[in-house]
All heavy atoms as atom14 arrays in JSON, in Angstrom:
{
  "sequence": "SHHPNTLGSSVLTEEQRAKLSPQDILELLKSGN",
  "atom14_mask": [
    [1, 1, 1, 1, 1, 1, 0, 0, 0, 0, 0, 0, 0, 0],
    [1, 1, 1, 1, 1, 1, 1, 1, 1, 1, 0, 0, 0, 0],
    [1, 1, 1, 1, 1, 1, 1, 1, 1, 1, 0, 0, 0, 0],
    [1, 1, 1, 1, 1, 1, 1, 0, 0, 0, 0, 0, 0, 0],
    [1, 1, 1, 1, 1, 1, 1, 1, 0, 0, 0, 0, 0, 0],
    [1, 1, 1, 1, 1, 1, 1, 0, 0, 0, 0, 0, 0, 0],
    [1, 1, 1, 1, 1, 1, 1, 1, 0, 0, 0, 0, 0, 0],
    [1, 1, 1, 1, 0, 0, 0, 0, 0, 0, 0, 0, 0, 0],
    [1, 1, 1, 1, 1, 1, 0, 0, 0, 0, 0, 0, 0, 0],
    [1, 1, 1, 1, 1, 1, 0, 0, 0, 0, 0, 0, 0, 0],
    [1, 1, 1, 1, 1, 1, 1, 0, 0, 0, 0, 0, 0, 0],
    [1, 1, 1, 1, 1, 1, 1, 1, 0, 0, 0, 0, 0, 0],
    [1, 1, 1, 1, 1, 1, 1, 0, 0, 0, 0, 0, 0, 0],
    [1, 1, 1, 1, 1, 1, 1, 1, 1, 0, 0, 0, 0, 0],
    [1, 1, 1, 1, 1, 1, 1, 1, 1, 0, 0, 0, 0, 0],
    [1, 1, 1, 1, 1, 1, 1, 1, 1, 0, 0, 0, 0, 0],
    [1, 1, 1, 1, 1, 1, 1, 1, 1, 1, 1, 0, 0, 0],
    [1, 1, 1, 1, 1, 0, 0, 0, 0, 0, 0, 0, 0, 0],
    [1, 1, 1, 1, 1, 1, 1, 1, 1, 0, 0, 0, 0, 0],
    [1, 1, 1, 1, 1, 1, 1, 1, 0, 0, 0, 0, 0, 0],
    [1, 1, 1, 1, 1, 1, 0, 0, 0, 0, 0, 0, 0, 0],
    [1, 1, 1, 1, 1, 1, 1, 0, 0, 0, 0, 0, 0, 0],
    [1, 1, 1, 1, 1, 1, 1, 1, 1, 0, 0, 0, 0, 0],
    [1, 1, 1, 1, 1, 1, 1, 1, 0, 0, 0, 0, 0, 0],
    [1, 1, 1, 1, 1, 1, 1, 1, 0, 0, 0, 0, 0, 0],
    [1, 1, 1, 1, 1, 1, 1, 1, 0, 0, 0, 0, 0, 0],
    [1, 1, 1, 1, 1, 1, 1, 1, 1, 0, 0, 0, 0, 0],
    [1, 1, 1, 1, 1, 1, 1, 1, 0, 0, 0, 0, 0, 0],
    [1, 1, 1, 1, 1, 1, 1, 1, 0, 0, 0, 0, 0, 0],
    [1, 1, 1, 1, 1, 1, 1, 1, 1, 0, 0, 0, 0, 0],
    [1, 1, 1, 1, 1, 1, 0, 0, 0, 0, 0, 0, 0, 0],
    [1, 1, 1, 1, 0, 0, 0, 0, 0, 0, 0, 0, 0, 0],
    [1, 1, 1, 1, 1, 1, 1, 1, 0, 0, 0, 0, 0, 0]
  ],
  "atom14_positions": [
    [[0.81, -1.19, 0.0], [0.0, 0.0, 0.0], [0.86, 1.25, 0.0], [1.96, 1.29, 0.53], [-0.91, 0.01, 1.22], [-1.7, -1.15, 1.26], [0.0, 0.0, 0.0], [0.0, 0.0, 0.0], [0.0, 0.0, 0.0], [0.0, 0.0, 0.0], [0.0, 0.0, 0.0], [0.0, 0.0, 0.0], [0.0, 0.0, 0.0], [0.0, 0.0, 0.0]],
    [[0.28, 2.32, -0.55], [0.91, 3.63, -0.5], [0.32, 4.47, 0.62], [0.79, 5.56, 0.9], [0.74, 4.34, -1.85], [1.36, 3.58, -2.99], [2.72, 3.43, -3.12], [0.81, 2.91, -4.03], [2.98, 2.7, -4.21], [1.84, 2.38, -4.76], [0.0, 0.0, 0.0], [0.0, 0.0, 0.0], [0.0, 0.0, 0.0], [0.0, 0.0, 0.0]],
    [[-0.71, 3.99, 1.25], [-1.38, 4.66, 2.36], [-1.74, 3.57, 3.36], [-2.12, 2.47, 2.97], [-2.64, 5.37, 1.85], [-3.36, 6.15, 2.9], [-4.18, 5.54, 3.83], [-3.39, 7.47, 3.19], [-4.69, 6.46, 4.64], [-4.23, 7.63, 4.27], [0.0, 0.0, 0.0], [0.0, 0.0, 0.0], [0.0, 0.0, 0.0], [0.0, 0.0, 0.0]],
    [[-1.61, 3.8, 4.66], [-1.83, 2.73, 5.63], [-3.22, 2.12, 5.57], [-3.42, 0.99, 5.99], [-1.59, 3.42, 6.98], [-1.7, 4.9, 6.71], [-1.21, 5.06, 5.3], [0.0, 0.0, 0.0], [0.0, 0.0, 0.0], [0.0, 0.0, 0.0], [0.0, 0.0, 0.0], [0.0, 0.0, 0.0], [0.0, 0.0, 0.0], [0.0, 0.0, 0.0]],
    [[-4.21, 2.85, 5.03], [-5.57, 2.33, 4.96], [-5.97, 1.98, 3.53], [-7.15, 1.85, 3.23], [-6.54, 3.36, 5.54], [-6.3, 3.58, 7.02], [-5.83, 2.68, 7.69], [-6.6, 4.76, 7.5], [0.0, 0.0, 0.0], [0.0, 0.0, 0.0], [0.0, 0.0, 0.0], [0.0, 0.0, 0.0], [0.0, 0.0, 0.0], [0.0, 0.0, 0.0]],
    [[-5.01, 1.88, 2.64], [-5.29, 1.58, 1.26], [-4.68, 0.23, 0.88], [-3.51, 0.0, 1.13], [-4.71, 2.66, 0.32], [-5.23, 3.92, 0.71], [-5.11, 2.38, -1.13], [0.0, 0.0, 0.0], [0.0, 0.0, 0.0], [0.0, 0.0, 0.0], [0.0, 0.0, 0.0], [0.0, 0.0, 0.0], [0.0, 0.0, 0.0], [0.0, 0.0, 0.0]],
    [[-5.49, -0.63, 0.26], [-4.95, -1.86, -0.3], [-4.44, -1.52, -1.69], [-5.15, -0.95, -2.51], [-6.04, -2.93, -0.37], [-6.59, -3.37, 0.98], [-7.69, -4.4, 0.78], [-5.5, -3.94, 1.86], [0.0, 0.0, 0.0], [0.0, 0.0, 0.0], [0.0, 0.0, 0.0], [0.0, 0.0, 0.0], [0.0, 0.0, 0.0], [0.0, 0.0, 0.0]],
    [[-3.21, -1.89, -1.97], [-2.56, -1.46, -3.2], [-3.21, -2.01, -4.45], [-4.08, -2.87, -4.41], [0.0, 0.0, 0.0], [0.0, 0.0, 0.0], [0.0, 0.0, 0.0], [0.0, 0.0, 0.0], [0.0, 0.0, 0.0], [0.0, 0.0, 0.0], [0.0, 0.0, 0.0], [0.0, 0.0, 0.0], [0.0, 0.0, 0.0], [0.0, 0.0, 0.0]],
    [[-2.77, -1.51, -5.58], [-3.37, -1.88, -6.87], [-2.9, -3.25, -7.35], [-3.5, -3.83, -8.24], [-3.04, -0.82, -7.91], [-1.65, -0.71, -8.09], [0.0, 0.0, 0.0], [0.0, 0.0, 0.0], [0.0, 0.0, 0.0], [0.0, 0.0, 0.0], [0.0, 0.0, 0.0], [0.0, 0.0, 0.0], [0.0, 0.0, 0.0], [0.0, 0.0, 0.0]],
    [[-1.82, -3.77, -6.8], [-1.24, -5.03, -7.29], [-1.86, -6.22, -6.56], [-1.97, -6.23, -5.34], [0.28, -5.03, -7.08], [0.89, -3.99, -7.8], [0.0, 0.0, 0.0], [0.0, 0.0, 0.0], [0.0, 0.0, 0.0], [0.0, 0.0, 0.0], [0.0, 0.0, 0.0], [0.0, 0.0, 0.0], [0.0, 0.0, 0.0], [0.0, 0.0, 0.0]],
    [[-2.25, -7.23, -7.33], [-2.79, -8.44, -6.74], [-1.64, -9.25, -6.14], [-0.48, -9.14, -6.55], [-3.54, -9.25, -7.82], [-2.57, -9.92, -8.79], [-4.48, -10.27, -7.2], [0.0, 0.0, 0.0], [0.0, 0.0, 0.0], [0.0, 0.0, 0.0], [0.0, 0.0, 0.0], [0.0, 0.0, 0.0], [0.0, 0.0, 0.0], [0.0, 0.0, 0.0]],
    [[-1.95, -10.06, -5.14], [-0.95, -10.88, -4.46], [-0.25, -11.8, -5.46], [-0.89, -12.42, -6.31], [-1.64, -11.71, -3.37], [-0.74, -12.46, -2.4], [-0.1, -11.49, -1.42], [-1.56, -13.5, -1.63], [0.0, 0.0, 0.0], [0.0, 0.0, 0.0], [0.0, 0.0, 0.0], [0.0, 0.0, 0.0], [0.0, 0.0, 0.0], [0.0, 0.0, 0.0]],
    [[1.06, -11.92, -5.35], [1.82, -12.77, -6.26], [2.17, -14.1, -5.61], [2.13, -14.25, -4.37], [3.14, -12.09, -6.69], [4.01, -12.0, -5.55], [2.87, -10.71, -7.26], [0.0, 0.0, 0.0], [0.0, 0.0, 0.0], [0.0, 0.0, 0.0], [0.0, 0.0, 0.0], [0.0, 0.0, 0.0], [0.0, 0.0, 0.0], [0.0, 0.0, 0.0]],
    [[2.54, -15.06, -6.42], [2.95, -16.37, -5.92], [4.18, -16.25, -5.04], [4.3, -16.93, -4.02], [3.21, -17.32, -7.09], [3.51, -18.74, -6.68], [3.64, -19.67, -7.85], [3.77, -19.19, -9.0], [3.62, -20.9, -7.62], [0.0, 0.0, 0.0], [0.0, 0.0, 0.0], [0.0, 0.0, 0.0], [0.0, 0.0, 0.0], [0.0, 0.0, 0.0]],
    [[5.1, -15.37, -5.43], [6.33, -15.19, -4.67], [6.04, -14.6, -3.29], [6.65, -15.01, -2.28], [7.29, -14.27, -5.43], [7.88, -14.88, -6.7], [6.88, -14.92, -7.85], [5.87, -14.17, -7.81], [7.1, -15.72, -8.78], [0.0, 0.0, 0.0], [0.0, 0.0, 0.0], [0.0, 0.0, 0.0], [0.0, 0.0, 0.0], [0.0, 0.0, 0.0]],
    [[5.12, -13.65, -3.22], [4.76, -13.05, -1.94], [4.13, -14.09, -1.02], [4.46, -14.16, 0.17], [3.8, -11.89, -2.16], [4.45, -10.65, -2.74], [3.43, -9.59, -3.1], [2.33, -9.89, -3.56], [3.8, -8.33, -2.9], [0.0, 0.0, 0.0], [0.0, 0.0, 0.0], [0.0, 0.0, 0.0], [0.0, 0.0, 0.0], [0.0, 0.0, 0.0]],
    [[3.23, -14.9, -1.57], [2.58, -15.92, -0.75], [3.58, -16.97, -0.28], [3.49, -17.46, 0.87], [1.44, -16.58, -1.51], [0.64, -17.56, -0.65], [-0.51, -18.19, -1.39], [-0.06, -19.02, -2.51], [-0.88, -19.63, -3.35], [-2.18, -19.48, -3.21], [-0.4, -20.38, -4.33], [0.0, 0.0, 0.0], [0.0, 0.0, 0.0], [0.0, 0.0, 0.0]],
    [[4.52, -17.34, -1.12], [5.48, -18.38, -0.78], [6.31, -18.01, 0.44], [6.77, -18.9, 1.18], [6.38, -18.66, -1.97], [0.0, 0.0, 0.0], [0.0, 0.0, 0.0], [0.0, 0.0, 0.0], [0.0, 0.0, 0.0], [0.0, 0.0, 0.0], [0.0, 0.0, 0.0], [0.0, 0.0, 0.0], [0.0, 0.0, 0.0], [0.0, 0.0, 0.0]],
    [[6.52, -16.73, 0.68], [7.33, -16.27, 1.8], [6.57, -16.33, 3.13], [7.17, -16.16, 4.19], [7.8, -14.85, 1.55], [8.76, -14.71, 0.38], [9.13, -13.26, 0.13], [10.04, -13.12, -1.08], [10.35, -11.68, -1.35], [0.0, 0.0, 0.0], [0.0, 0.0, 0.0], [0.0, 0.0, 0.0], [0.0, 0.0, 0.0], [0.0, 0.0, 0.0]],
    [[5.26, -16.57, 3.06], [4.43, -16.54, 4.27], [4.11, -17.95, 4.75], [3.72, -18.82, 3.96], [3.13, -15.79, 4.0], [3.26, -14.32, 3.6], [1.91, -13.76, 3.16], [3.83, -13.49, 4.75], [0.0, 0.0, 0.0], [0.0, 0.0, 0.0], [0.0, 0.0, 0.0], [0.0, 0.0, 0.0], [0.0, 0.0, 0.0], [0.0, 0.0, 0.0]],
    [[4.26, -18.17, 6.04], [3.86, -19.45, 6.64], [2.36, -19.39, 6.96], [1.76, -18.31, 6.99], [4.65, -19.69, 7.94], [4.23, -18.77, 8.94], [0.0, 0.0, 0.0], [0.0, 0.0, 0.0], [0.0, 0.0, 0.0], [0.0, 0.0, 0.0], [0.0, 0.0, 0.0], [0.0, 0.0, 0.0], [0.0, 0.0, 0.0], [0.0, 0.0, 0.0]],
    [[1.73, -20.54, 7.22], [0.33, -20.5, 7.65], [0.12, -19.63, 8.88], [-0.88, -18.9, 8.97], [0.04, -21.98, 7.95], [0.95, -22.74, 7.04], [2.21, -21.92, 7.0], [0.0, 0.0, 0.0], [0.0, 0.0, 0.0], [0.0, 0.0, 0.0], [0.0, 0.0, 0.0], [0.0, 0.0, 0.0], [0.0, 0.0, 0.0], [0.0, 0.0, 0.0]],
    [[1.07, -19.64, 9.82], [0.94, -18.81, 11.03], [1.05, -17.32, 10.67], [0.33, -16.49, 11.24], [2.01, -19.18, 12.05], [1.84, -18.49, 13.41], [0.54, -18.85, 14.1], [0.12, -20.01, 14.08], [-0.1, -17.87, 14.71], [0.0, 0.0, 0.0], [0.0, 0.0, 0.0], [0.0, 0.0, 0.0], [0.0, 0.0, 0.0], [0.0, 0.0, 0.0]],
    [[1.93, -16.99, 9.72], [2.04, -15.6, 9.24], [0.68, -15.13, 8.7], [0.26, -13.99, 8.96], [3.07, -15.49, 8.13], [4.5, -15.68, 8.61], [4.77, -15.42, 9.79], [5.34, -16.09, 7.78], [0.0, 0.0, 0.0], [0.0, 0.0, 0.0], [0.0, 0.0, 0.0], [0.0, 0.0, 0.0], [0.0, 0.0, 0.0], [0.0, 0.0, 0.0]],
    [[0.03, -15.99, 7.95], [-1.25, -15.62, 7.33], [-2.32, -15.45, 8.39], [-3.14, -14.53, 8.32], [-1.63, -16.68, 6.28], [-0.65, -16.61, 5.11], [-3.07, -16.48, 5.81], [-0.76, -17.75, 4.13], [0.0, 0.0, 0.0], [0.0, 0.0, 0.0], [0.0, 0.0, 0.0], [0.0, 0.0, 0.0], [0.0, 0.0, 0.0], [0.0, 0.0, 0.0]],
    [[-2.31, -16.31, 9.41], [-3.25, -16.15, 10.52], [-3.05, -14.79, 11.19], [-4.03, -14.08, 11.5], [-3.08, -17.28, 11.52], [-3.98, -17.23, 12.76], [-5.45, -17.25, 12.38], [-3.67, -18.39, 13.7], [0.0, 0.0, 0.0], [0.0, 0.0, 0.0], [0.0, 0.0, 0.0], [0.0, 0.0, 0.0], [0.0, 0.0, 0.0], [0.0, 0.0, 0.0]],
    [[-1.82, -14.42, 11.38], [-1.54, -13.12, 12.01], [-1.97, -11.96, 11.11], [-2.43, -10.93, 11.61], [-0.05, -13.01, 12.34], [0.42, -13.98, 13.42], [-0.39, -13.9, 14.7], [-0.69, -12.78, 15.14], [-0.75, -14.97, 15.24], [0.0, 0.0, 0.0], [0.0, 0.0, 0.0], [0.0, 0.0, 0.0], [0.0, 0.0, 0.0], [0.0, 0.0, 0.0]],
    [[-1.83, -12.12, 9.79], [-2.31, -11.1, 8.87], [-3.81, -10.92, 8.98], [-4.32, -9.79, 8.95], [-1.93, -11.46, 7.43], [-0.54, -11.11, 6.94], [-0.34, -11.65, 5.51], [-0.31, -9.61, 6.96], [0.0, 0.0, 0.0], [0.0, 0.0, 0.0], [0.0, 0.0, 0.0], [0.0, 0.0, 0.0], [0.0, 0.0, 0.0], [0.0, 0.0, 0.0]],
    [[-4.53, -12.03, 9.09], [-5.98, -11.94, 9.23], [-6.37, -11.27, 10.55], [-7.29, -10.44, 10.59], [-6.61, -13.33, 9.15], [-6.5, -14.07, 7.81], [-7.27, -15.38, 7.85], [-6.96, -13.21, 6.65], [0.0, 0.0, 0.0], [0.0, 0.0, 0.0], [0.0, 0.0, 0.0], [0.0, 0.0, 0.0], [0.0, 0.0, 0.0], [0.0, 0.0, 0.0]],
    [[-5.66, -11.6, 11.61], [-5.94, -10.98, 12.91], [-5.65, -9.48, 12.84], [-6.43, -8.67, 13.36], [-5.1, -11.65, 14.0], [-5.54, -13.06, 14.34], [-4.66, -13.66, 15.44], [-5.13, -15.05, 15.82], [-4.28, -15.66, 16.88], [0.0, 0.0, 0.0], [0.0, 0.0, 0.0], [0.0, 0.0, 0.0], [0.0, 0.0, 0.0], [0.0, 0.0, 0.0]],
    [[-4.55, -9.11, 12.2], [-4.19, -7.7, 12.07], [-5.21, -6.96, 11.21], [-5.62, -5.83, 11.53], [-2.8, -7.58, 11.46], [-2.47, -6.23, 11.22], [0.0, 0.0, 0.0], [0.0, 0.0, 0.0], [0.0, 0.0, 0.0], [0.0, 0.0, 0.0], [0.0, 0.0, 0.0], [0.0, 0.0, 0.0], [0.0, 0.0, 0.0], [0.0, 0.0, 0.0]],
    [[-5.64, -7.59, 10.13], [-6.64, -6.99, 9.27], [-7.96, -6.8, 9.98], [-8.65, -5.78, 9.79], [0.0, 0.0, 0.0], [0.0, 0.0, 0.0], [0.0, 0.0, 0.0], [0.0, 0.0, 0.0], [0.0, 0.0, 0.0], [0.0, 0.0, 0.0], [0.0, 0.0, 0.0], [0.0, 0.0, 0.0], [0.0, 0.0, 0.0], [0.0, 0.0, 0.0]],
    [[-8.34, -7.77, 10.81], [-9.57, -7.64, 11.57], [-9.48, -6.5, 12.58], [-10.46, -5.79, 12.83], [-9.9, -8.96, 12.27], [-11.2, -8.9, 13.04], [-11.24, -9.14, 14.25], [-12.29, -8.58, 12.36], [0.0, 0.0, 0.0], [0.0, 0.0, 0.0], [0.0, 0.0, 0.0], [0.0, 0.0, 0.0], [0.0, 0.0, 0.0], [0.0, 0.0, 0.0]]
  ]
}
C-alpha cells in the first residue's frame, strides 16, 4: 500500500505468498480484523 488504509493496486503474487507461513497468514488476518 501507498497509504496505511489503502490496499494497493497489485494483486498478491505467488512469490509473496510463498514467503508466508500458515501462522504468518493467521496473524495477517488478525491484524486486518
